[in-house]
């Protein structure tokens, strides 16, 4: 067990939990009962990067832990700051999907996640890099950027619920998609392709739910790179069904590659990319890299056999 008696709680008032004040008070209370002193750094408006960096700098000096309470966007920003300043982090998942926490086995409820902070242990995990943007789940461009944009609009209108996100995603997938003609260089391989989306992931939980296994080469972890070819609505229906059955790589309109790094180049203007659910505009060529074991995070202790 790696017990931290002091933490800075970075909390996003815009994430998926219905009552942020009650959630904050509950977190502070339960951590206090576990003997942990809490300083709350609340995010509001556009100050998330500044808040996360200030928390990480302070944690570096005091030897404490920075805990992200929010969705994967909040987790991403805290993780980016922790990688930059080489400090450990914890997670209290409060978003829609919480892929990072689920991949680490962290409970999807506040009290369960707090128990991990009190009784878990630090472990290292890998992060990805798209240009200078850290990601802990995935980074992509093309159709997925439109999915994320529409999802946020629909959640603002109908509420931050998984069913709203799911229906919004399906609607976006069936809308006409822009096609890209690209050249991809992955490790020692290069190929030209025509695609509507490229999706790079380092999150094993998310990929395994689609039937895409994690991969290693010579004992080294790799990213999974999912390439969707241009599709008709009928073909998209088949892809969705294969995804639900965890058989996505078996579809002829889907290619899956594995690499530690890859580049995407095309004669195009800056392109909308998605990094852990947040849209950023980047200039081609795009460079994706896997950075092994760059982040220390509090996770459940391994189960001891009876």
C-alpha atoms as a PDB file:
ATOM      1  CA  UNK A   1       0.000   0.000   0.000  1.00  0.00           C
ATOM      2  CA  UNK A   2       1.207   3.527  -0.797  1.00  0.00           C
ATOM      3  CA  UNK A   3      -0.616   5.805   1.633  1.00  0.00           C
ATOM      4  CA  UNK A   4      -0.658   9.536   0.935  1.00  0.00           C
ATOM      5  CA  UNK A   5      -1.766  11.591   3.941  1.00  0.00           C
ATOM      6  CA  UNK A   6      -2.302  14.698   1.763  1.00  0.00           C
ATOM      7  CA  UNK A   7      -3.951  15.015  -1.625  1.00  0.00           C
ATOM      8  CA  UNK A   8      -5.082  17.793  -3.918  1.00  0.00           C
ATOM      9  CA  UNK A   9      -8.519  17.022  -5.329  1.00  0.00           C
ATOM     10  CA  UNK A  10      -8.990  18.465  -8.831  1.00  0.00           C
ATOM     11  CA  UNK A  11     -12.737  18.491  -9.399  1.00  0.00           C
ATOM     12  CA  UNK A  12     -14.584  19.429 -12.560  1.00  0.00           C
ATOM     13  CA  UNK A  13     -17.929  21.071 -11.869  1.00  0.00           C
ATOM     14  CA  UNK A  14     -18.937  20.313 -15.463  1.00  0.00           C
ATOM     15  CA  UNK A  15     -18.584  16.510 -15.392  1.00  0.00           C
ATOM     16  CA  UNK A  16     -21.409  13.991 -15.334  1.00  0.00           C
ATOM     17  CA  UNK A  17     -22.352  13.847 -11.642  1.00  0.00           C
ATOM     18  CA  UNK A  18     -25.716  15.446 -10.858  1.00  0.00           C
ATOM     19  CA  UNK A  19     -24.888  17.170  -7.563  1.00  0.00           C
ATOM     20  CA  UNK A  20     -21.288  18.410  -7.465  1.00  0.00           C
ATOM     21  CA  UNK A  21     -21.508  20.029  -4.029  1.00  0.00           C
ATOM     22  CA  UNK A  22     -22.783  16.833  -2.393  1.00  0.00           C
ATOM     23  CA  UNK A  23     -20.183  14.783  -4.277  1.00  0.00           C
ATOM     24  CA  UNK A  24     -17.360  17.076  -3.189  1.00  0.00           C
ATOM     25  CA  UNK A  25     -18.495  17.028   0.430  1.00  0.00           C
ATOM     26  CA  UNK A  26     -18.803  13.234   0.367  1.00  0.00           C
ATOM     27  CA  UNK A  27     -15.318  12.832  -1.103  1.00  0.00           C
ATOM     28  CA  UNK A  28     -13.741  15.162   1.468  1.00  0.00           C
ATOM     29  CA  UNK A  29     -15.624  13.441   4.316  1.00  0.00           C
ATOM     30  CA  UNK A  30     -14.695   9.889   3.287  1.00  0.00           C
ATOM     31  CA  UNK A  31     -11.055  10.768   2.665  1.00  0.00           C
ATOM     32  CA  UNK A  32     -10.936  12.497   6.042  1.00  0.00           C
ATOM     33  CA  UNK A  33     -12.297   9.349   7.682  1.00  0.00           C
ATOM     34  CA  UNK A  34      -9.423   7.459   6.038  1.00  0.00           C
ATOM     35  CA  UNK A  35      -6.929   9.891   7.594  1.00  0.00           C
ATOM     36  CA  UNK A  36      -6.270  11.847   4.394  1.00  0.00           C
ATOM     37  CA  UNK A  37      -6.181  15.656   4.351  1.00  0.00           C
ATOM     38  CA  UNK A  38      -7.765  17.146   1.234  1.00  0.00           C
ATOM     39  CA  UNK A  39      -7.212  20.420  -0.582  1.00  0.00           C
ATOM     40  CA  UNK A  40      -9.891  21.059  -3.234  1.00  0.00           C
ATOM     41  CA  UNK A  41      -8.916  22.718  -6.529  1.00  0.00           C
ATOM     42  CA  UNK A  42     -12.186  23.236  -8.375  1.00  0.00           C
ATOM     43  CA  UNK A  43     -12.268  23.718 -12.134  1.00  0.00           C
ATOM     44  CA  UNK A  44     -14.667  26.233 -13.634  1.00  0.00           C
ATOM     45  CA  UNK A  45     -14.734  27.782 -17.065  1.00  0.00           C
ATOM     46  CA  UNK A  46     -11.520  27.463 -19.049  1.00  0.00           C
ATOM     47  CA  UNK A  47      -8.948  27.286 -16.254  1.00  0.00           C
ATOM     48  CA  UNK A  48      -8.485  23.502 -16.248  1.00  0.00           C
ATOM     49  CA  UNK A  49      -4.889  23.429 -17.556  1.00  0.00           C
ATOM     50  CA  UNK A  50      -3.718  26.117 -15.109  1.00  0.00           C
ATOM     51  CA  UNK A  51      -5.433  24.381 -12.155  1.00  0.00           C
ATOM     52  CA  UNK A  52      -3.947  20.973 -13.014  1.00  0.00           C
ATOM     53  CA  UNK A  53      -0.429  22.331 -13.500  1.00  0.00           C
ATOM     54  CA  UNK A  54      -0.569  24.298 -10.239  1.00  0.00           C
ATOM     55  CA  UNK A  55      -1.772  21.197  -8.381  1.00  0.00           C
ATOM     56  CA  UNK A  56       0.992  19.034  -9.876  1.00  0.00           C
ATOM     57  CA  UNK A  57       3.714  21.591  -9.065  1.00  0.00           C
ATOM     58  CA  UNK A  58       2.541  21.805  -5.465  1.00  0.00           C
ATOM     59  CA  UNK A  59       2.357  17.999  -5.206  1.00  0.00           C
ATOM     60  CA  UNK A  60       5.909  17.744  -6.511  1.00  0.00           C
ATOM     61  CA  UNK A  61       7.144  19.979  -3.715  1.00  0.00           C
ATOM     62  CA  UNK A  62       5.101  18.345  -0.952  1.00  0.00           C
ATOM     63  CA  UNK A  63       5.317  14.722  -2.102  1.00  0.00           C
ATOM     64  CA  UNK A  64       1.531  14.419  -2.262  1.00  0.00           C
ATOM     65  CA  UNK A  65      -0.994  12.942  -4.675  1.00  0.00           C
ATOM     66  CA  UNK A  66      -3.149  14.740  -7.259  1.00  0.00           C
ATOM     67  CA  UNK A  67      -6.604  13.184  -7.628  1.00  0.00           C
ATOM     68  CA  UNK A  68      -8.850  13.794 -10.640  1.00  0.00           C
ATOM     69  CA  UNK A  69     -12.571  13.785  -9.817  1.00  0.00           C
ATOM     70  CA  UNK A  70     -14.424  14.012 -13.108  1.00  0.00           C
ATOM     71  CA  UNK A  71     -14.699  12.459 -16.541  1.00  0.00           C
ATOM     72  CA  UNK A  72     -11.970  11.326 -18.899  1.00  0.00           C
ATOM     73  CA  UNK A  73     -11.311  14.921 -19.987  1.00  0.00           C
ATOM     74  CA  UNK A  74     -10.484  15.905 -16.405  1.00  0.00           C
ATOM     75  CA  UNK A  75      -8.436  12.731 -15.962  1.00  0.00           C
ATOM     76  CA  UNK A  76      -6.516  13.566 -19.135  1.00  0.00           C
ATOM     77  CA  UNK A  77      -5.614  17.050 -17.950  1.00  0.00           C
ATOM     78  CA  UNK A  78      -4.506  15.836 -14.524  1.00  0.00           C
ATOM     79  CA  UNK A  79      -2.519  12.999 -16.117  1.00  0.00           C
ATOM     80  CA  UNK A  80      -0.820  15.429 -18.523  1.00  0.00           C
ATOM     81  CA  UNK A  81       0.265  17.644 -15.635  1.00  0.00           C
ATOM     82  CA  UNK A  82       1.407  14.652 -13.573  1.00  0.00           C
ATOM     83  CA  UNK A  83       3.504  13.288 -16.445  1.00  0.00           C
ATOM     84  CA  UNK A  84       5.013  16.732 -16.992  1.00  0.00           C
ATOM     85  CA  UNK A  85       5.949  17.209 -13.326  1.00  0.00           C
ATOM     86  CA  UNK A  86       6.553  13.512 -12.503  1.00  0.00           C
ATOM     87  CA  UNK A  87       4.022  13.196  -9.705  1.00  0.00           C
ATOM     88  CA  UNK A  88       1.533  10.391  -8.960  1.00  0.00           C
ATOM     89  CA  UNK A  89      -2.217  10.689  -9.435  1.00  0.00           C
ATOM     90  CA  UNK A  90      -5.470   9.100  -8.344  1.00  0.00           C
ATOM     91  CA  UNK A  91      -8.915   8.938  -9.966  1.00  0.00           C
ATOM     92  CA  UNK A  92     -12.481   9.313  -8.735  1.00  0.00           C
ATOM     93  CA  UNK A  93     -14.538   8.634 -11.896  1.00  0.00           C
ATOM     94  CA  UNK A  94     -17.513  10.949 -12.367  1.00  0.00           C
ATOM     95  CA  UNK A  95     -17.915  11.058 -16.145  1.00  0.00           C
ATOM     96  CA  UNK A  96     -19.982   9.276 -18.772  1.00  0.00           C
ATOM     97  CA  UNK A  97     -17.702   6.392 -19.769  1.00  0.00           C
ATOM     98  CA  UNK A  98     -14.714   6.530 -17.353  1.00  0.00           C
ATOM     99  CA  UNK A  99     -12.573   4.297 -19.577  1.00  0.00           C
ATOM    100  CA  UNK A 100      -9.282   5.086 -17.846  1.00  0.00           C
ATOM    101  CA  UNK A 101     -10.581   4.162 -14.394  1.00  0.00           C
ATOM    102  CA  UNK A 102     -12.293   1.027 -15.660  1.00  0.00           C
ATOM    103  CA  UNK A 103      -9.123  -0.124 -17.421  1.00  0.00           C
ATOM    104  CA  UNK A 104      -7.278   0.109 -14.095  1.00  0.00           C
ATOM    105  CA  UNK A 105     -10.036  -1.697 -12.180  1.00  0.00           C
ATOM    106  CA  UNK A 106     -11.048   1.394 -10.195  1.00  0.00           C
ATOM    107  CA  UNK A 107     -14.638   1.260  -8.937  1.00  0.00           C
ATOM    108  CA  UNK A 108     -17.145   3.328 -10.892  1.00  0.00           C
ATOM    109  CA  UNK A 109     -18.671   4.851  -7.741  1.00  0.00           C
ATOM    110  CA  UNK A 110     -17.323   7.512  -5.418  1.00  0.00           C
ATOM    111  CA  UNK A 111     -16.990   5.411  -2.262  1.00  0.00           C
ATOM    112  CA  UNK A 112     -15.333   2.524  -4.107  1.00  0.00           C
ATOM    113  CA  UNK A 113     -12.842   4.869  -5.756  1.00  0.00           C
ATOM    114  CA  UNK A 114     -12.056   6.508  -2.417  1.00  0.00           C
ATOM    115  CA  UNK A 115     -11.320   3.054  -0.972  1.00  0.00           C
ATOM    116  CA  UNK A 116      -8.714   2.595  -3.721  1.00  0.00           C
ATOM    117  CA  UNK A 117      -7.045   5.872  -2.732  1.00  0.00           C
ATOM    118  CA  UNK A 118      -6.897   4.707   0.876  1.00  0.00           C
ATOM    119  CA  UNK A 119      -5.904   1.061   0.394  1.00  0.00           C
ATOM    120  CA  UNK A 120      -4.540   0.708  -3.137  1.00  0.00           C
ATOM    121  CA  UNK A 121      -1.025   0.915  -4.487  1.00  0.00           C
ATOM    122  CA  UNK A 122       0.849   2.978  -7.035  1.00  0.00           C
ATOM    123  CA  UNK A 123       1.415   1.332 -10.393  1.00  0.00           C
ATOM    124  CA  UNK A 124       2.866   2.629 -13.620  1.00  0.00           C
ATOM    125  CA  UNK A 125       0.834   2.861 -16.801  1.00  0.00           C
ATOM    126  CA  UNK A 126       1.552   4.033 -20.308  1.00  0.00           C
ATOM    127  CA  UNK A 127       0.314   7.185 -22.002  1.00  0.00           C
ATOM    128  CA  UNK A 128       0.080   8.179 -25.633  1.00  0.00           C
ATOM    129  CA  UNK A 129       1.222  11.345 -27.324  1.00  0.00           C
ATOM    130  CA  UNK A 130      -0.352  13.057 -30.348  1.00  0.00           C
ATOM    131  CA  UNK A 131       1.993  15.897 -31.257  1.00  0.00           C
ATOM    132  CA  UNK A 132       2.387  17.419 -27.773  1.00  0.00           C
ATOM    133  CA  UNK A 133      -1.019  16.241 -26.485  1.00  0.00           C
ATOM    134  CA  UNK A 134      -0.981  13.450 -23.880  1.00  0.00           C
ATOM    135  CA  UNK A 135      -3.767  10.857 -24.035  1.00  0.00           C
ATOM    136  CA  UNK A 136      -4.584   8.066 -21.581  1.00  0.00           C
ATOM    137  CA  UNK A 137      -7.353   6.420 -23.631  1.00  0.00           C
ATOM    138  CA  UNK A 138      -7.363   7.330 -27.297  1.00  0.00           C
ATOM    139  CA  UNK A 139      -6.665   9.929 -29.953  1.00  0.00           C
ATOM    140  CA  UNK A 140      -8.292  10.113 -33.359  1.00  0.00           C
ATOM    141  CA  UNK A 141      -9.579  12.217 -36.212  1.00  0.00           C
ATOM    142  CA  UNK A 142     -12.292  12.027 -38.859  1.00  0.00           C
ATOM    143  CA  UNK A 143     -15.744  10.686 -38.014  1.00  0.00           C
ATOM    144  CA  UNK A 144     -14.966  10.479 -34.305  1.00  0.00           C
ATOM    145  CA  UNK A 145     -14.433  14.237 -34.078  1.00  0.00           C
ATOM    146  CA  UNK A 146     -17.971  14.744 -35.367  1.00  0.00           C
ATOM    147  CA  UNK A 147     -19.263  12.111 -32.919  1.00  0.00           C
ATOM    148  CA  UNK A 148     -17.708  13.944 -29.957  1.00  0.00           C
ATOM    149  CA  UNK A 149     -18.927  17.350 -31.130  1.00  0.00           C
ATOM    150  CA  UNK A 150     -22.526  16.115 -31.567  1.00  0.00           C
ATOM    151  CA  UNK A 151     -22.413  14.150 -28.306  1.00  0.00           C
ATOM    152  CA  UNK A 152     -21.534  17.259 -26.295  1.00  0.00           C
ATOM    153  CA  UNK A 153     -24.328  19.235 -27.946  1.00  0.00           C
ATOM    154  CA  UNK A 154     -26.858  16.475 -27.241  1.00  0.00           C
ATOM    155  CA  UNK A 155     -25.750  16.045 -23.616  1.00  0.00           C
ATOM    156  CA  UNK A 156     -26.136  19.769 -23.007  1.00  0.00           C
ATOM    157  CA  UNK A 157     -29.642  19.545 -24.439  1.00  0.00           C
ATOM    158  CA  UNK A 158     -30.870  16.226 -22.980  1.00  0.00           C
ATOM    159  CA  UNK A 159     -28.592  15.559 -19.991  1.00  0.00           C
ATOM    160  CA  UNK A 160     -25.282  13.803 -19.351  1.00  0.00           C
ATOM    161  CA  UNK A 161     -26.518  10.216 -19.497  1.00  0.00           C
ATOM    162  CA  UNK A 162     -24.991   7.205 -21.246  1.00  0.00           C
ATOM    163  CA  UNK A 163     -28.155   6.534 -23.266  1.00  0.00           C
ATOM    164  CA  UNK A 164     -28.018  10.106 -24.616  1.00  0.00           C
ATOM    165  CA  UNK A 165     -24.371   9.627 -25.570  1.00  0.00           C
ATOM    166  CA  UNK A 166     -25.091   6.251 -27.211  1.00  0.00           C
ATOM    167  CA  UNK A 167     -28.001   7.494 -29.330  1.00  0.00           C
ATOM    168  CA  UNK A 168     -26.028  10.597 -30.324  1.00  0.00           C
ATOM    169  CA  UNK A 169     -23.070   8.430 -31.388  1.00  0.00           C
ATOM    170  CA  UNK A 170     -25.267   6.218 -33.565  1.00  0.00           C
ATOM    171  CA  UNK A 171     -26.858   9.247 -35.227  1.00  0.00           C
ATOM    172  CA  UNK A 172     -23.441  10.703 -35.995  1.00  0.00           C
ATOM    173  CA  UNK A 173     -22.148   7.431 -37.447  1.00  0.00           C
ATOM    174  CA  UNK A 174     -24.990   7.334 -39.980  1.00  0.00           C
ATOM    175  CA  UNK A 175     -24.474  10.922 -41.170  1.00  0.00           C
ATOM    176  CA  UNK A 176     -22.456  11.443 -44.395  1.00  0.00           C
ATOM    177  CA  UNK A 177     -18.738  11.287 -43.588  1.00  0.00           C
ATOM    178  CA  UNK A 178     -15.749  13.112 -45.041  1.00  0.00           C
ATOM    179  CA  UNK A 179     -13.209  10.855 -46.762  1.00  0.00           C
ATOM    180  CA  UNK A 180      -9.469  11.345 -46.323  1.00  0.00           C
ATOM    181  CA  UNK A 181      -6.702  10.116 -48.604  1.00  0.00           C
ATOM    182  CA  UNK A 182      -3.679   9.595 -46.381  1.00  0.00           C
ATOM    183  CA  UNK A 183      -0.267   8.031 -46.076  1.00  0.00           C
ATOM    184  CA  UNK A 184       0.351   6.161 -42.846  1.00  0.00           C
ATOM    185  CA  UNK A 185       3.772   5.218 -41.589  1.00  0.00           C
ATOM    186  CA  UNK A 186       3.708   2.780 -38.663  1.00  0.00           C
ATOM    187  CA  UNK A 187       7.029   1.582 -37.249  1.00  0.00           C
ATOM    188  CA  UNK A 188       8.734  -0.063 -40.264  1.00  0.00           C
ATOM    189  CA  UNK A 189       5.631  -0.094 -42.501  1.00  0.00           C
ATOM    190  CA  UNK A 190       4.073   2.549 -44.783  1.00  0.00           C
ATOM    191  CA  UNK A 191       0.803   2.460 -46.715  1.00  0.00           C
ATOM    192  CA  UNK A 192      -1.627   4.709 -48.536  1.00  0.00           C
ATOM    193  CA  UNK A 193      -5.267   4.520 -47.532  1.00  0.00           C
ATOM    194  CA  UNK A 194      -8.637   6.146 -47.968  1.00  0.00           C
ATOM    195  CA  UNK A 195     -10.498   6.481 -44.698  1.00  0.00           C
ATOM    196  CA  UNK A 196     -13.229   8.279 -42.777  1.00  0.00           C
ATOM    197  CA  UNK A 197     -11.588   7.759 -39.393  1.00  0.00           C
ATOM    198  CA  UNK A 198      -8.349   6.717 -37.707  1.00  0.00           C
ATOM    199  CA  UNK A 199      -8.605   5.796 -34.042  1.00  0.00           C
ATOM    200  CA  UNK A 200      -5.484   5.110 -31.947  1.00  0.00           C
ATOM    201  CA  UNK A 201      -6.035   3.560 -28.518  1.00  0.00           C
ATOM    202  CA  UNK A 202      -3.931   2.474 -25.561  1.00  0.00           C
ATOM    203  CA  UNK A 203      -6.969   1.573 -23.423  1.00  0.00           C
ATOM    204  CA  UNK A 204      -7.243  -2.222 -23.282  1.00  0.00           C
ATOM    205  CA  UNK A 205     -10.703  -2.198 -21.665  1.00  0.00           C
ATOM    206  CA  UNK A 206     -12.195  -0.082 -24.450  1.00  0.00           C
ATOM    207  CA  UNK A 207     -10.612  -2.073 -27.274  1.00  0.00           C
ATOM    208  CA  UNK A 208     -11.417  -5.497 -25.850  1.00  0.00           C
ATOM    209  CA  UNK A 209     -15.082  -4.468 -25.670  1.00  0.00           C
ATOM    210  CA  UNK A 210     -14.911  -4.116 -29.458  1.00  0.00           C
ATOM    211  CA  UNK A 211     -13.067  -7.390 -29.922  1.00  0.00           C
ATOM    212  CA  UNK A 212      -9.707  -5.722 -30.597  1.00  0.00           C
ATOM    213  CA  UNK A 213      -7.045  -7.464 -28.508  1.00  0.00           C
ATOM    214  CA  UNK A 214      -4.104  -5.668 -26.939  1.00  0.00           C
ATOM    215  CA  UNK A 215      -0.778  -6.377 -28.601  1.00  0.00           C
ATOM    216  CA  UNK A 216       2.893  -6.545 -27.794  1.00  0.00           C
ATOM    217  CA  UNK A 217       5.929  -6.896 -30.016  1.00  0.00           C
ATOM    218  CA  UNK A 218       9.060  -8.431 -28.507  1.00  0.00           C
ATOM    219  CA  UNK A 219       7.605  -7.782 -25.058  1.00  0.00           C
ATOM    220  CA  UNK A 220       6.861  -4.126 -25.776  1.00  0.00           C
ATOM    221  CA  UNK A 221       3.379  -2.630 -25.524  1.00  0.00           C
ATOM    222  CA  UNK A 222       1.819  -1.232 -28.708  1.00  0.00           C
ATOM    223  CA  UNK A 223      -1.041   1.068 -29.653  1.00  0.00           C
ATOM    224  CA  UNK A 224      -3.975  -0.328 -31.583  1.00  0.00           C
ATOM    225  CA  UNK A 225      -4.751   1.698 -34.715  1.00  0.00           C
ATOM    226  CA  UNK A 226      -8.249   1.232 -36.121  1.00  0.00           C
ATOM    227  CA  UNK A 227      -8.822   2.485 -39.677  1.00  0.00           C
ATOM    228  CA  UNK A 228     -12.362   2.749 -41.015  1.00  0.00           C
ATOM    229  CA  UNK A 229     -12.693   2.715 -44.791  1.00  0.00           C
ATOM    230  CA  UNK A 230     -15.491   4.707 -46.492  1.00  0.00           C
ATOM    231  CA  UNK A 231     -18.786   2.926 -45.816  1.00  0.00           C
ATOM    232  CA  UNK A 232     -22.413   2.906 -46.911  1.00  0.00           C
ATOM    233  CA  UNK A 233     -25.232   2.974 -44.343  1.00  0.00           C
ATOM    234  CA  UNK A 234     -25.713  -0.767 -44.769  1.00  0.00           C
ATOM    235  CA  UNK A 235     -22.011  -1.361 -44.163  1.00  0.00           C
ATOM    236  CA  UNK A 236     -22.142   0.898 -41.109  1.00  0.00           C
ATOM    237  CA  UNK A 237     -24.994  -1.194 -39.694  1.00  0.00           C
ATOM    238  CA  UNK A 238     -22.876  -4.296 -40.104  1.00  0.00           C
ATOM    239  CA  UNK A 239     -19.907  -2.583 -38.408  1.00  0.00           C
ATOM    240  CA  UNK A 240     -22.082  -1.561 -35.442  1.00  0.00           C
ATOM    241  CA  UNK A 241     -23.407  -5.105 -35.082  1.00  0.00           C
ATOM    242  CA  UNK A 242     -19.888  -6.529 -35.190  1.00  0.00           C
ATOM    243  CA  UNK A 243     -18.839  -3.995 -32.563  1.00  0.00           C
ATOM    244  CA  UNK A 244     -21.707  -5.060 -30.291  1.00  0.00           C
ATOM    245  CA  UNK A 245     -20.630  -8.693 -30.738  1.00  0.00           C
ATOM    246  CA  UNK A 246     -16.972  -7.815 -30.057  1.00  0.00           C
ATOM    247  CA  UNK A 247     -16.007  -8.813 -33.595  1.00  0.00           C
ATOM    248  CA  UNK A 248     -15.054  -5.451 -35.079  1.00  0.00           C
ATOM    249  CA  UNK A 249     -11.728  -6.543 -36.675  1.00  0.00           C
ATOM    250  CA  UNK A 250     -13.578  -9.190 -38.697  1.00  0.00           C
ATOM    251  CA  UNK A 251     -15.328  -6.554 -40.818  1.00  0.00           C
ATOM    252  CA  UNK A 252     -13.802  -5.976 -44.259  1.00  0.00           C
ATOM    253  CA  UNK A 253     -14.227  -2.184 -43.928  1.00  0.00           C
ATOM    254  CA  UNK A 254     -12.079  -2.117 -40.774  1.00  0.00           C
ATOM    255  CA  UNK A 255      -8.301  -2.446 -40.651  1.00  0.00           C
ATOM    256  CA  UNK A 256      -6.457  -2.809 -37.351  1.00  0.00           C
ATOM    257  CA  UNK A 257      -2.731  -2.180 -37.057  1.00  0.00           C
ATOM    258  CA  UNK A 258      -0.409  -2.238 -34.066  1.00  0.00           C
ATOM    259  CA  UNK A 259       2.580   0.047 -33.576  1.00  0.00           C
ATOM    260  CA  UNK A 260       4.615   1.888 -30.969  1.00  0.00           C
ATOM    261  CA  UNK A 261       4.500   5.016 -33.119  1.00  0.00           C
ATOM    262  CA  UNK A 262       2.983   6.117 -36.401  1.00  0.00           C
ATOM    263  CA  UNK A 263       2.500   9.190 -38.560  1.00  0.00           C
ATOM    264  CA  UNK A 264      -0.377  10.349 -40.735  1.00  0.00           C
ATOM    265  CA  UNK A 265       0.297  12.743 -43.600  1.00  0.00           C
ATOM    266  CA  UNK A 266      -1.904  14.387 -46.227  1.00  0.00           C
ATOM    267  CA  UNK A 267      -2.027  17.639 -48.180  1.00  0.00           C
ATOM    268  CA  UNK A 268      -4.600  19.231 -45.887  1.00  0.00           C
ATOM    269  CA  UNK A 269      -5.207  22.211 -43.616  1.00  0.00           C
ATOM    270  CA  UNK A 270      -5.226  21.851 -39.796  1.00  0.00           C
ATOM    271  CA  UNK A 271      -7.511  19.000 -38.824  1.00  0.00           C
ATOM    272  CA  UNK A 272      -9.919  18.501 -35.921  1.00  0.00           C
ATOM    273  CA  UNK A 273      -8.628  15.709 -33.687  1.00  0.00           C
ATOM    274  CA  UNK A 274     -10.053  14.172 -30.543  1.00  0.00           C
ATOM    275  CA  UNK A 275      -7.775  13.542 -27.550  1.00  0.00           C
ATOM    276  CA  UNK A 276      -9.538  11.667 -24.727  1.00  0.00           C
ATOM    277  CA  UNK A 277     -12.865  13.145 -25.749  1.00  0.00           C
ATOM    278  CA  UNK A 278     -11.675  16.735 -26.190  1.00  0.00           C
ATOM    279  CA  UNK A 279     -11.420  18.340 -29.635  1.00  0.00           C
ATOM    280  CA  UNK A 280      -8.135  19.998 -30.587  1.00  0.00           C
ATOM    281  CA  UNK A 281      -7.016  21.389 -33.963  1.00  0.00           C
ATOM    282  CA  UNK A 282      -3.621  20.144 -35.132  1.00  0.00           C
ATOM    283  CA  UNK A 283      -1.481  20.530 -38.245  1.00  0.00           C
ATOM    284  CA  UNK A 284      -0.454  17.550 -40.362  1.00  0.00           C
ATOM    285  CA  UNK A 285       1.597  15.429 -40.366  1.00  0.00           C
ATOM    286  CA  UNK A 286       0.166  13.921 -37.196  1.00  0.00           C
ATOM    287  CA  UNK A 287       2.625  12.008 -35.031  1.00  0.00           C
ATOM    288  CA  UNK A 288       1.343   9.406 -32.553  1.00  0.00           C
ATOM    289  CA  UNK A 289       3.662   7.829 -29.981  1.00  0.00           C
ATOM    290  CA  UNK A 290       3.353   5.399 -27.109  1.00  0.00           C
ATOM    291  CA  UNK A 291       5.241   6.398 -23.947  1.00  0.00           C
ATOM    292  CA  UNK A 292       5.544   3.259 -21.799  1.00  0.00           C
ATOM    293  CA  UNK A 293       5.145   3.472 -18.003  1.00  0.00           C
ATOM    294  CA  UNK A 294       5.227   7.269 -17.898  1.00  0.00           C
ATOM    295  CA  UNK A 295       2.398   7.772 -15.397  1.00  0.00           C
ATOM    296  CA  UNK A 296       2.106   6.631 -11.779  1.00  0.00           C
ATOM    297  CA  UNK A 297      -1.473   6.110 -10.671  1.00  0.00           C
ATOM    298  CA  UNK A 298      -3.197   4.741  -7.566  1.00  0.00           C
ATOM    299  CA  UNK A 299      -4.934   1.466  -8.457  1.00  0.00           C
ATOM    300  CA  UNK A 300      -6.486  -1.491  -6.599  1.00  0.00           C
ATOM    301  CA  UNK A 301      -3.980  -3.758  -4.875  1.00  0.00           C
ATOM    302  CA  UNK A 302      -3.647  -7.183  -6.528  1.00  0.00           C
ATOM    303  CA  UNK A 303      -5.869  -9.896  -5.117  1.00  0.00           C
ATOM    304  CA  UNK A 304      -3.995 -12.349  -2.922  1.00  0.00           C
ATOM    305  CA  UNK A 305      -5.013 -15.979  -3.632  1.00  0.00           C
ATOM    306  CA  UNK A 306      -6.806 -17.636  -0.721  1.00  0.00           C
END
